[in-house]
């Protein structure tokens, strides 16, 4: 699959139906959020974390074993390692992606709305069935503490 920075994908992620893109501003624009609002970066392999951040030694085991959990690292980046499913396979083939739930900001998942957004932006639908699952748990890590955000 030819991945371009301006593409947006509708996919069933490891947690819920989501939009994926290499372009964070595009994700924020379609969700009517501030363009500079941070997005979760999804990756398929633990070794890819070193390209984005440093894991405090105290939390290396926690990060390695965590499933469906995102971490905000001391450098401010938020990442989640995807361990299973088609979403992981897509990431293995195409590298990291920004990820956001496929709903309007602050609203529940609406498949018709999400598909309309994909059509309007000439995006690509990766899956045939979607469900709104629980969002990932998010922890903020510092050198000395961790705090649950969501």
N, C-alpha and C. Protein backbone atom coordinates (compact mmCIF):
# COMPACT_ATOMS: atom_id res chain seq x y z
N UNK A 1 0.85 -1.18 0.00
CA UNK A 1 0.00 0.00 0.00
C UNK A 1 0.89 1.24 0.00
N UNK A 2 0.56 2.18 -0.84
CA UNK A 2 1.32 3.43 -0.95
C UNK A 2 0.87 4.40 0.15
N UNK A 3 1.72 4.63 1.14
CA UNK A 3 1.37 5.51 2.26
C UNK A 3 1.93 6.89 1.98
N UNK A 4 1.06 7.88 2.03
CA UNK A 4 1.48 9.25 1.82
C UNK A 4 1.10 10.07 3.04
N UNK A 5 1.83 11.16 3.27
CA UNK A 5 1.61 11.99 4.45
C UNK A 5 0.22 12.61 4.49
N UNK A 6 -0.43 12.79 3.37
CA UNK A 6 -1.73 13.45 3.37
C UNK A 6 -2.89 12.47 3.44
N UNK A 7 -2.62 11.18 3.51
CA UNK A 7 -3.69 10.18 3.57
C UNK A 7 -4.24 10.06 4.98
N UNK A 8 -5.51 9.69 5.04
CA UNK A 8 -6.13 9.35 6.31
C UNK A 8 -6.79 7.99 6.12
N UNK A 9 -6.70 7.17 7.14
CA UNK A 9 -7.24 5.82 7.08
C UNK A 9 -8.27 5.64 8.18
N UNK A 10 -9.32 4.90 7.88
CA UNK A 10 -10.30 4.49 8.89
C UNK A 10 -10.03 3.03 9.16
N UNK A 11 -9.73 2.69 10.40
CA UNK A 11 -9.35 1.32 10.74
C UNK A 11 -9.91 0.93 12.09
N UNK A 12 -10.09 -0.36 12.27
CA UNK A 12 -10.39 -0.87 13.60
C UNK A 12 -9.05 -1.03 14.29
N UNK A 13 -8.75 -0.15 15.23
CA UNK A 13 -7.47 -0.22 15.92
C UNK A 13 -7.55 -1.27 17.01
N UNK A 14 -6.50 -1.41 17.76
CA UNK A 14 -6.49 -2.39 18.84
C UNK A 14 -7.46 -2.02 19.96
N UNK A 15 -7.90 -0.76 20.03
CA UNK A 15 -8.79 -0.34 21.10
C UNK A 15 -10.19 0.03 20.63
N UNK A 16 -10.31 0.80 19.57
CA UNK A 16 -11.61 1.27 19.07
C UNK A 16 -11.49 1.64 17.60
N UNK A 17 -12.57 1.99 16.97
CA UNK A 17 -12.49 2.46 15.58
C UNK A 17 -11.70 3.76 15.57
N UNK A 18 -10.77 3.88 14.63
CA UNK A 18 -9.90 5.05 14.67
C UNK A 18 -9.48 5.56 13.32
N UNK A 19 -9.03 6.80 13.33
CA UNK A 19 -8.39 7.41 12.17
C UNK A 19 -6.90 7.29 12.36
N UNK A 20 -6.18 6.97 11.28
CA UNK A 20 -4.73 6.89 11.29
C UNK A 20 -4.20 7.81 10.20
N UNK A 21 -3.11 8.50 10.49
CA UNK A 21 -2.49 9.36 9.48
C UNK A 21 -1.05 9.66 9.90
N UNK A 22 -0.22 9.98 8.93
CA UNK A 22 1.13 10.48 9.22
C UNK A 22 1.07 11.98 9.48
N UNK A 23 -0.09 12.59 9.23
CA UNK A 23 -0.27 14.03 9.34
C UNK A 23 -1.15 14.37 10.55
N UNK A 24 -0.53 14.80 11.64
CA UNK A 24 -1.25 15.11 12.87
C UNK A 24 -2.25 16.24 12.68
N UNK A 25 -1.87 17.27 11.92
CA UNK A 25 -2.76 18.41 11.71
C UNK A 25 -4.03 17.99 10.97
N UNK A 26 -3.91 17.07 10.04
CA UNK A 26 -5.08 16.56 9.31
C UNK A 26 -6.04 15.87 10.28
N UNK A 27 -5.52 15.03 11.15
CA UNK A 27 -6.37 14.37 12.15
C UNK A 27 -7.09 15.39 13.02
N UNK A 28 -6.36 16.39 13.49
CA UNK A 28 -6.96 17.39 14.36
C UNK A 28 -7.99 18.24 13.61
N UNK A 29 -7.72 18.54 12.35
CA UNK A 29 -8.65 19.36 11.56
C UNK A 29 -9.98 18.63 11.36
N UNK A 30 -9.92 17.35 10.99
CA UNK A 30 -11.18 16.64 10.74
C UNK A 30 -11.97 16.41 12.02
N UNK A 31 -11.30 16.44 13.15
CA UNK A 31 -12.00 16.27 14.43
C UNK A 31 -12.34 17.61 15.09
N UNK A 32 -12.06 18.71 14.38
CA UNK A 32 -12.33 20.06 14.89
C UNK A 32 -11.64 20.33 16.23
N UNK A 33 -10.37 19.95 16.30
CA UNK A 33 -9.56 20.22 17.48
C UNK A 33 -8.48 21.22 17.11
N UNK A 34 -7.82 21.76 18.12
CA UNK A 34 -6.68 22.65 17.86
C UNK A 34 -5.65 21.88 17.03
N UNK A 35 -5.11 22.52 16.00
CA UNK A 35 -4.20 21.84 15.07
C UNK A 35 -2.92 21.33 15.73
N UNK A 36 -2.52 21.96 16.82
CA UNK A 36 -1.29 21.54 17.49
C UNK A 36 -1.55 20.58 18.65
N UNK A 37 -2.79 20.14 18.83
CA UNK A 37 -3.11 19.20 19.92
C UNK A 37 -2.35 17.90 19.69
N UNK A 38 -1.70 17.38 20.71
CA UNK A 38 -0.94 16.13 20.55
C UNK A 38 -1.85 14.96 20.20
N UNK A 39 -1.33 14.03 19.44
CA UNK A 39 -2.03 12.79 19.09
C UNK A 39 -1.16 11.62 19.54
N UNK A 40 -1.82 10.50 19.78
CA UNK A 40 -1.09 9.28 20.13
C UNK A 40 -0.38 8.76 18.89
N UNK A 41 0.86 8.36 19.05
CA UNK A 41 1.62 7.73 17.98
C UNK A 41 1.56 6.22 18.23
N UNK A 42 1.10 5.48 17.23
CA UNK A 42 1.04 4.02 17.39
C UNK A 42 2.19 3.39 16.61
N UNK A 43 2.80 2.40 17.23
CA UNK A 43 3.92 1.67 16.63
C UNK A 43 3.68 0.17 16.84
N UNK A 44 4.39 -0.65 16.10
CA UNK A 44 4.18 -2.09 16.16
C UNK A 44 5.25 -2.84 16.97
N UNK A 45 6.39 -2.20 17.17
CA UNK A 45 7.49 -2.89 17.86
C UNK A 45 8.05 -2.04 18.98
N UNK A 46 8.38 -2.68 20.08
CA UNK A 46 8.99 -1.97 21.20
C UNK A 46 10.28 -1.27 20.81
N UNK A 47 11.06 -1.89 19.94
CA UNK A 47 12.34 -1.30 19.55
C UNK A 47 12.16 0.04 18.84
N UNK A 48 10.96 0.30 18.29
CA UNK A 48 10.71 1.57 17.62
C UNK A 48 10.59 2.74 18.61
N UNK A 49 10.32 2.44 19.86
CA UNK A 49 10.20 3.50 20.87
C UNK A 49 11.44 4.38 20.92
N UNK A 50 12.60 3.80 20.74
CA UNK A 50 13.85 4.56 20.83
C UNK A 50 13.96 5.63 19.75
N UNK A 51 13.17 5.53 18.69
CA UNK A 51 13.16 6.56 17.65
C UNK A 51 12.40 7.81 18.09
N UNK A 52 11.59 7.68 19.13
CA UNK A 52 10.72 8.78 19.56
C UNK A 52 11.05 9.30 20.95
N UNK A 53 11.50 8.43 21.84
CA UNK A 53 11.62 8.83 23.24
C UNK A 53 12.59 7.91 23.99
N UNK A 54 12.82 8.28 25.22
CA UNK A 54 13.60 7.43 26.15
C UNK A 54 12.65 6.98 27.24
N UNK A 55 12.65 5.69 27.53
CA UNK A 55 11.80 5.16 28.61
C UNK A 55 12.59 5.23 29.90
N UNK A 56 12.05 5.90 30.93
CA UNK A 56 12.75 5.88 32.22
C UNK A 56 12.96 4.44 32.68
N UNK A 57 14.14 4.12 33.18
CA UNK A 57 14.48 2.75 33.58
C UNK A 57 13.43 2.13 34.49
N UNK A 58 12.90 2.91 35.38
CA UNK A 58 11.92 2.45 36.36
C UNK A 58 10.68 1.85 35.69
N UNK A 59 10.37 2.25 34.45
CA UNK A 59 9.13 1.86 33.79
C UNK A 59 9.31 0.95 32.59
N UNK A 60 10.54 0.51 32.32
CA UNK A 60 10.77 -0.32 31.13
C UNK A 60 9.96 -1.60 31.14
N UNK A 61 9.87 -2.27 32.27
CA UNK A 61 9.10 -3.51 32.37
C UNK A 61 7.61 -3.24 32.19
N UNK A 62 7.10 -2.17 32.80
CA UNK A 62 5.70 -1.80 32.67
C UNK A 62 5.35 -1.54 31.21
N UNK A 63 6.15 -0.77 30.51
CA UNK A 63 5.90 -0.45 29.11
C UNK A 63 5.96 -1.71 28.26
N UNK A 64 6.91 -2.58 28.52
CA UNK A 64 7.06 -3.81 27.73
C UNK A 64 5.84 -4.72 27.87
N UNK A 65 5.25 -4.80 29.06
CA UNK A 65 4.13 -5.72 29.31
C UNK A 65 2.76 -5.11 29.07
N UNK A 66 2.67 -3.80 28.93
CA UNK A 66 1.38 -3.11 28.82
C UNK A 66 0.66 -3.45 27.52
N UNK A 67 -0.62 -3.69 27.63
CA UNK A 67 -1.48 -3.93 26.47
C UNK A 67 -2.55 -2.84 26.45
N UNK A 68 -2.84 -2.31 25.27
CA UNK A 68 -3.87 -1.29 25.09
C UNK A 68 -3.68 -0.12 26.03
N UNK A 69 -2.42 0.25 26.23
CA UNK A 69 -2.06 1.33 27.13
C UNK A 69 -1.12 2.29 26.41
N UNK A 70 -1.42 3.57 26.54
CA UNK A 70 -0.57 4.62 25.95
C UNK A 70 0.20 5.29 27.08
N UNK A 71 1.39 5.76 26.76
CA UNK A 71 2.22 6.43 27.75
C UNK A 71 2.65 7.79 27.23
N UNK A 72 2.53 8.79 28.09
CA UNK A 72 3.09 10.11 27.80
C UNK A 72 4.47 10.10 28.45
N UNK A 73 5.50 10.24 27.62
CA UNK A 73 6.87 10.16 28.10
C UNK A 73 7.38 11.53 28.53
N UNK A 74 8.49 11.56 29.27
CA UNK A 74 9.02 12.85 29.76
C UNK A 74 9.26 13.89 28.66
N UNK A 75 9.48 13.47 27.42
CA UNK A 75 9.68 14.44 26.33
C UNK A 75 8.35 14.96 25.77
N UNK A 76 7.22 14.52 26.34
CA UNK A 76 5.91 15.01 25.93
C UNK A 76 5.23 14.19 24.84
N UNK A 77 5.91 13.22 24.25
CA UNK A 77 5.30 12.40 23.20
C UNK A 77 4.47 11.28 23.83
N UNK A 78 3.35 10.98 23.18
CA UNK A 78 2.47 9.91 23.64
C UNK A 78 2.51 8.78 22.64
N UNK A 79 2.85 7.58 23.12
CA UNK A 79 2.99 6.42 22.23
C UNK A 79 2.28 5.20 22.81
N UNK A 80 1.80 4.35 21.87
CA UNK A 80 1.23 3.06 22.25
C UNK A 80 1.80 2.01 21.32
N UNK A 81 2.26 0.91 21.89
CA UNK A 81 2.72 -0.23 21.10
C UNK A 81 1.52 -1.14 20.88
N UNK A 82 1.23 -1.44 19.62
CA UNK A 82 0.10 -2.29 19.26
C UNK A 82 0.62 -3.71 19.14
N UNK A 83 0.02 -4.63 19.89
CA UNK A 83 0.55 -5.99 19.99
C UNK A 83 -0.18 -7.02 19.15
N UNK A 84 -1.35 -6.66 18.58
CA UNK A 84 -2.12 -7.70 17.89
C UNK A 84 -3.04 -7.11 16.83
N UNK A 85 -3.54 -7.99 15.98
CA UNK A 85 -4.59 -7.65 15.03
C UNK A 85 -4.11 -7.04 13.72
N UNK A 86 -5.10 -6.66 12.90
CA UNK A 86 -4.82 -6.06 11.60
C UNK A 86 -4.12 -4.71 11.76
N UNK A 87 -4.47 -4.00 12.81
CA UNK A 87 -3.83 -2.70 13.06
C UNK A 87 -2.32 -2.88 13.19
N UNK A 88 -1.90 -3.87 13.96
CA UNK A 88 -0.47 -4.15 14.12
C UNK A 88 0.16 -4.50 12.78
N UNK A 89 -0.51 -5.34 11.99
CA UNK A 89 0.02 -5.73 10.68
C UNK A 89 0.20 -4.52 9.78
N UNK A 90 -0.78 -3.62 9.80
CA UNK A 90 -0.70 -2.39 9.01
C UNK A 90 0.51 -1.56 9.44
N UNK A 91 0.74 -1.46 10.75
CA UNK A 91 1.88 -0.70 11.26
C UNK A 91 3.21 -1.38 10.91
N UNK A 92 3.25 -2.70 10.95
CA UNK A 92 4.47 -3.41 10.58
C UNK A 92 4.84 -3.13 9.12
N UNK A 93 3.83 -3.05 8.27
CA UNK A 93 4.07 -2.83 6.84
C UNK A 93 4.36 -1.37 6.50
N UNK A 94 3.80 -0.43 7.28
CA UNK A 94 3.85 0.99 6.90
C UNK A 94 4.50 1.91 7.92
N UNK A 95 4.96 1.39 9.03
CA UNK A 95 5.60 2.23 10.05
C UNK A 95 4.59 2.89 10.98
N UNK A 96 5.07 3.80 11.77
CA UNK A 96 4.26 4.47 12.78
C UNK A 96 3.17 5.35 12.15
N UNK A 97 2.11 5.59 12.95
CA UNK A 97 1.03 6.49 12.54
C UNK A 97 0.51 7.24 13.76
N UNK A 98 0.07 8.47 13.53
CA UNK A 98 -0.73 9.16 14.54
C UNK A 98 -2.08 8.47 14.54
N UNK A 99 -2.70 8.40 15.71
CA UNK A 99 -3.97 7.71 15.85
C UNK A 99 -4.93 8.54 16.69
N UNK A 100 -6.19 8.52 16.30
CA UNK A 100 -7.23 9.19 17.05
C UNK A 100 -8.52 8.42 16.85
N UNK A 101 -9.39 8.45 17.83
CA UNK A 101 -10.66 7.75 17.68
C UNK A 101 -11.43 8.35 16.50
N UNK A 102 -12.21 7.51 15.82
CA UNK A 102 -12.94 7.94 14.62
C UNK A 102 -14.31 8.50 15.01
N UNK A 103 -14.27 9.61 15.72
CA UNK A 103 -15.50 10.28 16.10
C UNK A 103 -15.25 11.78 16.12
N UNK A 104 -16.33 12.53 16.07
CA UNK A 104 -16.19 13.98 16.20
C UNK A 104 -15.73 14.25 17.63
N UNK A 105 -14.94 15.31 17.81
CA UNK A 105 -14.38 15.64 19.11
C UNK A 105 -15.47 15.66 20.18
N UNK A 106 -15.30 14.81 21.21
CA UNK A 106 -16.22 14.77 22.33
C UNK A 106 -17.50 14.00 22.09
N UNK A 107 -17.62 13.31 20.94
CA UNK A 107 -18.85 12.58 20.63
C UNK A 107 -18.58 11.09 20.51
N UNK A 108 -19.66 10.32 20.47
CA UNK A 108 -19.57 8.86 20.31
C UNK A 108 -19.26 8.52 18.85
N UNK A 109 -18.79 7.28 18.64
CA UNK A 109 -18.49 6.80 17.30
C UNK A 109 -19.76 6.72 16.46
N UNK A 110 -19.70 7.26 15.26
CA UNK A 110 -20.79 7.22 14.28
C UNK A 110 -20.16 6.77 12.97
N UNK A 111 -20.40 5.53 12.60
CA UNK A 111 -19.75 4.95 11.42
C UNK A 111 -20.06 5.74 10.15
N UNK A 112 -21.29 6.20 10.00
CA UNK A 112 -21.65 6.98 8.81
C UNK A 112 -20.85 8.28 8.75
N UNK A 113 -20.69 8.96 9.89
CA UNK A 113 -19.90 10.20 9.93
C UNK A 113 -18.44 9.91 9.58
N UNK A 114 -17.90 8.84 10.16
CA UNK A 114 -16.49 8.50 9.91
C UNK A 114 -16.25 8.19 8.43
N UNK A 115 -17.15 7.45 7.81
CA UNK A 115 -16.99 7.12 6.39
C UNK A 115 -17.16 8.36 5.52
N UNK A 116 -18.03 9.27 5.92
CA UNK A 116 -18.21 10.53 5.18
C UNK A 116 -16.91 11.35 5.23
N UNK A 117 -16.26 11.37 6.39
CA UNK A 117 -14.98 12.09 6.54
C UNK A 117 -13.93 11.46 5.62
N UNK A 118 -13.89 10.14 5.59
CA UNK A 118 -12.93 9.44 4.73
C UNK A 118 -13.19 9.78 3.26
N UNK A 119 -14.45 9.75 2.83
CA UNK A 119 -14.79 10.10 1.44
C UNK A 119 -14.39 11.54 1.13
N UNK A 120 -14.72 12.45 2.01
CA UNK A 120 -14.44 13.87 1.81
C UNK A 120 -12.94 14.14 1.67
N UNK A 121 -12.12 13.40 2.41
CA UNK A 121 -10.67 13.60 2.43
C UNK A 121 -9.93 12.61 1.53
N UNK A 122 -10.67 11.89 0.70
CA UNK A 122 -10.07 10.89 -0.20
C UNK A 122 -9.21 9.89 0.57
N UNK A 123 -9.75 9.47 1.72
CA UNK A 123 -9.05 8.53 2.57
C UNK A 123 -9.32 7.09 2.17
N UNK A 124 -8.84 6.19 2.99
CA UNK A 124 -8.93 4.77 2.70
C UNK A 124 -9.53 4.06 3.90
N UNK A 125 -10.49 3.18 3.64
CA UNK A 125 -11.10 2.37 4.69
C UNK A 125 -10.36 1.04 4.71
N UNK A 126 -9.77 0.70 5.85
CA UNK A 126 -8.95 -0.52 5.94
C UNK A 126 -9.73 -1.74 6.40
N UNK A 127 -10.84 -1.55 7.09
CA UNK A 127 -11.59 -2.68 7.64
C UNK A 127 -13.04 -2.61 7.18
N UNK A 128 -13.75 -3.72 7.35
CA UNK A 128 -15.16 -3.77 6.96
C UNK A 128 -16.09 -3.61 8.14
N UNK A 129 -15.64 -3.99 9.32
CA UNK A 129 -16.48 -3.89 10.51
C UNK A 129 -15.76 -3.04 11.55
N UNK A 130 -16.55 -2.23 12.25
CA UNK A 130 -16.00 -1.33 13.26
C UNK A 130 -16.81 -1.44 14.53
N UNK A 131 -16.13 -1.25 15.66
CA UNK A 131 -16.84 -1.16 16.93
C UNK A 131 -16.17 -0.10 17.78
N UNK A 132 -16.96 0.48 18.65
CA UNK A 132 -16.43 1.47 19.57
C UNK A 132 -16.07 0.75 20.86
N UNK A 133 -14.78 0.53 21.04
CA UNK A 133 -14.31 -0.12 22.26
C UNK A 133 -13.84 0.93 23.25
N UNK A 134 -13.24 0.47 24.30
CA UNK A 134 -12.69 1.38 25.30
C UNK A 134 -11.42 2.02 24.77
N UNK A 135 -11.28 3.30 25.03
CA UNK A 135 -10.05 3.99 24.67
C UNK A 135 -8.91 3.40 25.47
N UNK A 136 -7.70 3.61 24.99
CA UNK A 136 -6.54 3.11 25.72
C UNK A 136 -6.41 3.85 27.05
N UNK A 137 -5.87 3.14 28.02
CA UNK A 137 -5.52 3.77 29.30
C UNK A 137 -4.28 4.63 29.01
N UNK A 138 -4.19 5.80 29.62
CA UNK A 138 -3.03 6.66 29.41
C UNK A 138 -2.36 6.95 30.74
N UNK A 139 -1.05 6.71 30.80
CA UNK A 139 -0.24 7.07 31.96
C UNK A 139 0.77 8.11 31.55
N UNK A 140 0.98 9.08 32.42
CA UNK A 140 2.05 10.06 32.21
C UNK A 140 3.23 9.62 33.07
N UNK A 141 4.37 9.44 32.41
CA UNK A 141 5.57 8.98 33.11
C UNK A 141 6.56 10.13 33.29
N UNK A 142 7.08 10.23 34.49
CA UNK A 142 8.22 11.12 34.72
C UNK A 142 9.34 10.22 35.20
N UNK A 143 10.47 10.79 35.51
CA UNK A 143 11.58 9.95 35.98
C UNK A 143 11.23 9.24 37.28
N UNK A 144 10.40 9.87 38.10
CA UNK A 144 10.15 9.33 39.43
C UNK A 144 8.73 8.82 39.67
N UNK A 145 7.75 9.29 38.90
CA UNK A 145 6.36 8.89 39.16
C UNK A 145 5.62 8.58 37.87
N UNK A 146 4.50 7.90 38.08
CA UNK A 146 3.55 7.72 36.98
C UNK A 146 2.18 8.15 37.50
N UNK A 147 1.44 8.79 36.59
CA UNK A 147 0.12 9.29 36.96
C UNK A 147 -0.86 8.87 35.89
N UNK A 148 -1.99 8.31 36.32
CA UNK A 148 -3.01 7.88 35.37
C UNK A 148 -3.76 9.12 34.88
N UNK A 149 -3.82 9.28 33.56
CA UNK A 149 -4.51 10.41 32.93
C UNK A 149 -5.91 10.00 32.51
N UNK A 150 -6.03 8.78 31.94
CA UNK A 150 -7.33 8.29 31.48
C UNK A 150 -7.40 6.80 31.75
